[in-house]
Amino acid sequence: MLLVLDVFVVKEHDDKVRVIATIVPNFNMELIIISPHIFKDI
């Protein structure tokens, strides 16, 4: 079972929003890449 320590959103120049989580073994996992339509205003 992985414990999510941090979840943060990074806006990319190609108009995509990357959601990245930092988990216990101390490495980053890409959870999902979606279009900015979901996030109206960040």
PDB file of N, CA and C in Angstrom:
ATOM      1  N   MET A   1       0.843  -1.187   0.000  1.00  0.00           N
ATOM      2  CA  MET A   1       0.000   0.000   0.000  1.00  0.00           C
ATOM      3  C   MET A   1       0.884   1.244   0.000  1.00  0.00           C
ATOM      4  N   LEU A   2       0.598   2.132  -0.934  1.00  0.00           N
ATOM      5  CA  LEU A   2       1.420   3.324  -1.064  1.00  0.00           C
ATOM      6  C   LEU A   2       0.768   4.501  -0.375  1.00  0.00           C
ATOM      7  N   LEU A   3       1.560   5.220   0.385  1.00  0.00           N
ATOM      8  CA  LEU A   3       1.062   6.401   1.077  1.00  0.00           C
ATOM      9  C   LEU A   3       1.440   7.645   0.281  1.00  0.00           C
ATOM     10  N   VAL A   4       0.435   8.427  -0.056  1.00  0.00           N
ATOM     11  CA  VAL A   4       0.694   9.634  -0.836  1.00  0.00           C
ATOM     12  C   VAL A   4       1.034  10.786   0.103  1.00  0.00           C
ATOM     13  N   LEU A   5       2.257  11.275  -0.014  1.00  0.00           N
ATOM     14  CA  LEU A   5       2.712  12.363   0.843  1.00  0.00           C
ATOM     15  C   LEU A   5       2.342  13.720   0.268  1.00  0.00           C
ATOM     16  N   ASP A   6       2.593  13.873  -1.017  1.00  0.00           N
ATOM     17  CA  ASP A   6       2.334  15.161  -1.664  1.00  0.00           C
ATOM     18  C   ASP A   6       1.654  14.956  -3.014  1.00  0.00           C
ATOM     19  N   VAL A   7       0.686  15.791  -3.268  1.00  0.00           N
ATOM     20  CA  VAL A   7       0.083  15.813  -4.599  1.00  0.00           C
ATOM     21  C   VAL A   7       0.106  17.248  -5.083  1.00  0.00           C
ATOM     22  N   PHE A   8       0.742  17.460  -6.220  1.00  0.00           N
ATOM     23  CA  PHE A   8       0.832  18.820  -6.718  1.00  0.00           C
ATOM     24  C   PHE A   8       0.588  18.858  -8.220  1.00  0.00           C
ATOM     25  N   VAL A   9       0.171  20.014  -8.674  1.00  0.00           N
ATOM     26  CA  VAL A   9      -0.193  20.180 -10.076  1.00  0.00           C
ATOM     27  C   VAL A   9       0.814  21.088 -10.764  1.00  0.00           C
ATOM     28  N   VAL A  10       1.314  20.621 -11.881  1.00  0.00           N
ATOM     29  CA  VAL A  10       2.279  21.398 -12.649  1.00  0.00           C
ATOM     30  C   VAL A  10       1.670  21.755 -14.002  1.00  0.00           C
ATOM     31  N   LYS A  11       1.583  23.062 -14.275  1.00  0.00           N
ATOM     32  CA  LYS A  11       1.060  23.494 -15.571  1.00  0.00           C
ATOM     33  C   LYS A  11       2.186  23.492 -16.589  1.00  0.00           C
ATOM     34  N   GLU A  12       1.944  22.838 -17.705  1.00  0.00           N
ATOM     35  CA  GLU A  12       2.966  22.739 -18.737  1.00  0.00           C
ATOM     36  C   GLU A  12       2.691  23.707 -19.865  1.00  0.00           C
ATOM     37  N   HIS A  13       3.736  24.009 -20.615  1.00  0.00           N
ATOM     38  CA  HIS A  13       3.630  25.001 -21.678  1.00  0.00           C
ATOM     39  C   HIS A  13       2.763  24.516 -22.830  1.00  0.00           C
ATOM     40  N   ASP A  14       2.548  23.200 -22.918  1.00  0.00           N
ATOM     41  CA  ASP A  14       1.750  22.654 -24.019  1.00  0.00           C
ATOM     42  C   ASP A  14       0.275  22.558 -23.644  1.00  0.00           C
ATOM     43  N   ASP A  15      -0.132  23.395 -22.700  1.00  0.00           N
ATOM     44  CA  ASP A  15      -1.537  23.477 -22.283  1.00  0.00           C
ATOM     45  C   ASP A  15      -2.064  22.174 -21.712  1.00  0.00           C
ATOM     46  N   LYS A  16      -1.209  21.427 -21.036  1.00  0.00           N
ATOM     47  CA  LYS A  16      -1.661  20.234 -20.343  1.00  0.00           C
ATOM     48  C   LYS A  16      -1.334  20.379 -18.873  1.00  0.00           C
ATOM     49  N   VAL A  17      -2.115  19.744 -18.062  1.00  0.00           N
ATOM     50  CA  VAL A  17      -1.885  19.802 -16.621  1.00  0.00           C
ATOM     51  C   VAL A  17      -1.415  18.437 -16.151  1.00  0.00           C
ATOM     52  N   ARG A  18      -0.274  18.416 -15.514  1.00  0.00           N
ATOM     53  CA  ARG A  18       0.294  17.163 -15.054  1.00  0.00           C
ATOM     54  C   ARG A  18       0.135  17.067 -13.540  1.00  0.00           C
ATOM     55  N   VAL A  19      -0.463  15.990 -13.083  1.00  0.00           N
ATOM     56  CA  VAL A  19      -0.637  15.777 -11.656  1.00  0.00           C
ATOM     57  C   VAL A  19       0.382  14.736 -11.213  1.00  0.00           C
ATOM     58  N   ILE A  20       1.229  15.143 -10.299  1.00  0.00           N
ATOM     59  CA  ILE A  20       2.318  14.268  -9.856  1.00  0.00           C
ATOM     60  C   ILE A  20       2.217  14.041  -8.351  1.00  0.00           C
ATOM     61  N   ALA A  21       2.414  12.801  -7.935  1.00  0.00           N
ATOM     62  CA  ALA A  21       2.353  12.485  -6.511  1.00  0.00           C
ATOM     63  C   ALA A  21       3.696  11.958  -6.030  1.00  0.00           C
ATOM     64  N   THR A  22       4.063  12.369  -4.846  1.00  0.00           N
ATOM     65  CA  THR A  22       5.273  11.839  -4.222  1.00  0.00           C
ATOM     66  C   THR A  22       4.853  10.791  -3.200  1.00  0.00           C
ATOM     67  N   ILE A  23       5.361   9.580  -3.354  1.00  0.00           N
ATOM     68  CA  ILE A  23       4.957   8.499  -2.463  1.00  0.00           C
ATOM     69  C   ILE A  23       6.125   8.015  -1.617  1.00  0.00           C
ATOM     70  N   VAL A  24       5.814   7.162  -0.676  1.00  0.00           N
ATOM     71  CA  VAL A  24       6.746   6.744   0.370  1.00  0.00           C
ATOM     72  C   VAL A  24       8.161   6.362  -0.077  1.00  0.00           C
ATOM     73  N   PRO A  25       8.334   5.549  -1.119  1.00  0.00           N
ATOM     74  CA  PRO A  25       9.702   5.201  -1.518  1.00  0.00           C
ATOM     75  C   PRO A  25      10.479   6.389  -2.090  1.00  0.00           C
ATOM     76  N   ASN A  26       9.848   7.541  -2.059  1.00  0.00           N
ATOM     77  CA  ASN A  26      10.506   8.795  -2.418  1.00  0.00           C
ATOM     78  C   ASN A  26      10.804   8.921  -3.909  1.00  0.00           C
ATOM     79  N   PHE A  27       9.844   8.483  -4.725  1.00  0.00           N
ATOM     80  CA  PHE A  27       9.962   8.718  -6.155  1.00  0.00           C
ATOM     81  C   PHE A  27       8.638   9.253  -6.685  1.00  0.00           C
ATOM     82  N   ASN A  28       8.688   9.897  -7.821  1.00  0.00           N
ATOM     83  CA  ASN A  28       7.494  10.531  -8.374  1.00  0.00           C
ATOM     84  C   ASN A  28       6.770   9.602  -9.334  1.00  0.00           C
ATOM     85  N   MET A  29       5.451   9.586  -9.233  1.00  0.00           N
ATOM     86  CA  MET A  29       4.631   8.787 -10.119  1.00  0.00           C
ATOM     87  C   MET A  29       3.637   9.701 -10.820  1.00  0.00           C
ATOM     88  N   GLU A  30       3.567   9.578 -12.118  1.00  0.00           N
ATOM     89  CA  GLU A  30       2.585  10.357 -12.848  1.00  0.00           C
ATOM     90  C   GLU A  30       1.240   9.688 -12.688  1.00  0.00           C
ATOM     91  N   LEU A  31       0.325  10.386 -12.046  1.00  0.00           N
ATOM     92  CA  LEU A  31      -0.995   9.813 -11.821  1.00  0.00           C
ATOM     93  C   LEU A  31      -1.876   9.976 -13.043  1.00  0.00           C
ATOM     94  N   ILE A  32      -1.911  11.182 -13.555  1.00  0.00           N
ATOM     95  CA  ILE A  32      -2.809  11.443 -14.682  1.00  0.00           C
ATOM     96  C   ILE A  32      -2.378  12.698 -15.418  1.00  0.00           C
ATOM     97  N   ILE A  33      -2.590  12.686 -16.718  1.00  0.00           N
ATOM     98  CA  ILE A  33      -2.346  13.889 -17.517  1.00  0.00           C
ATOM     99  C   ILE A  33      -3.650  14.237 -18.218  1.00  0.00           C
ATOM    100  N   ILE A  34      -4.171  15.414 -17.907  1.00  0.00           N
ATOM    101  CA  ILE A  34      -5.464  15.807 -18.447  1.00  0.00           C
ATOM    102  C   ILE A  34      -5.420  17.201 -19.034  1.00  0.00           C
ATOM    103  N   SER A  35      -6.447  17.549 -19.743  1.00  0.00           N
ATOM    104  CA  SER A  35      -6.520  18.878 -20.334  1.00  0.00           C
ATOM    105  C   SER A  35      -6.943  19.899 -19.287  1.00  0.00           C
ATOM    106  N   PRO A  36      -6.533  21.164 -19.452  1.00  0.00           N
ATOM    107  CA  PRO A  36      -6.798  22.202 -18.454  1.00  0.00           C
ATOM    108  C   PRO A  36      -8.273  22.556 -18.289  1.00  0.00           C
ATOM    109  N   HIS A  37      -9.131  21.957 -19.097  1.00  0.00           N
ATOM    110  CA  HIS A  37     -10.562  22.239 -18.995  1.00  0.00           C
ATOM    111  C   HIS A  37     -11.116  21.809 -17.637  1.00  0.00           C
ATOM    112  N   ILE A  38     -10.536  20.774 -17.069  1.00  0.00           N
ATOM    113  CA  ILE A  38     -10.987  20.273 -15.774  1.00  0.00           C
ATOM    114  C   ILE A  38     -10.706  21.307 -14.690  1.00  0.00           C
ATOM    115  N   PHE A  39      -9.507  21.889 -14.751  1.00  0.00           N
ATOM    116  CA  PHE A  39      -9.142  22.913 -13.787  1.00  0.00           C
ATOM    117  C   PHE A  39      -9.447  24.282 -14.386  1.00  0.00           C
ATOM    118  N   LYS A  40     -10.558  24.865 -13.983  1.00  0.00           N
ATOM    119  CA  LYS A  40     -10.986  26.149 -14.547  1.00  0.00           C
ATOM    120  C   LYS A  40      -9.952  27.231 -14.273  1.00  0.00           C
ATOM    121  N   ASP A  41      -9.651  27.449 -12.998  1.00  0.00           N
ATOM    122  CA  ASP A  41      -8.660  28.451 -12.608  1.00  0.00           C
ATOM    123  C   ASP A  41      -7.798  27.883 -11.498  1.00  0.00           C
ATOM    124  N   ILE A  42      -6.508  27.810 -11.775  1.00  0.00           N
ATOM    125  CA  ILE A  42      -5.598  27.297 -10.747  1.00  0.00           C
ATOM    126  C   ILE A  42      -4.767  28.455 -10.221  1.00  0.00           C
TER     127      ILE A  42
END
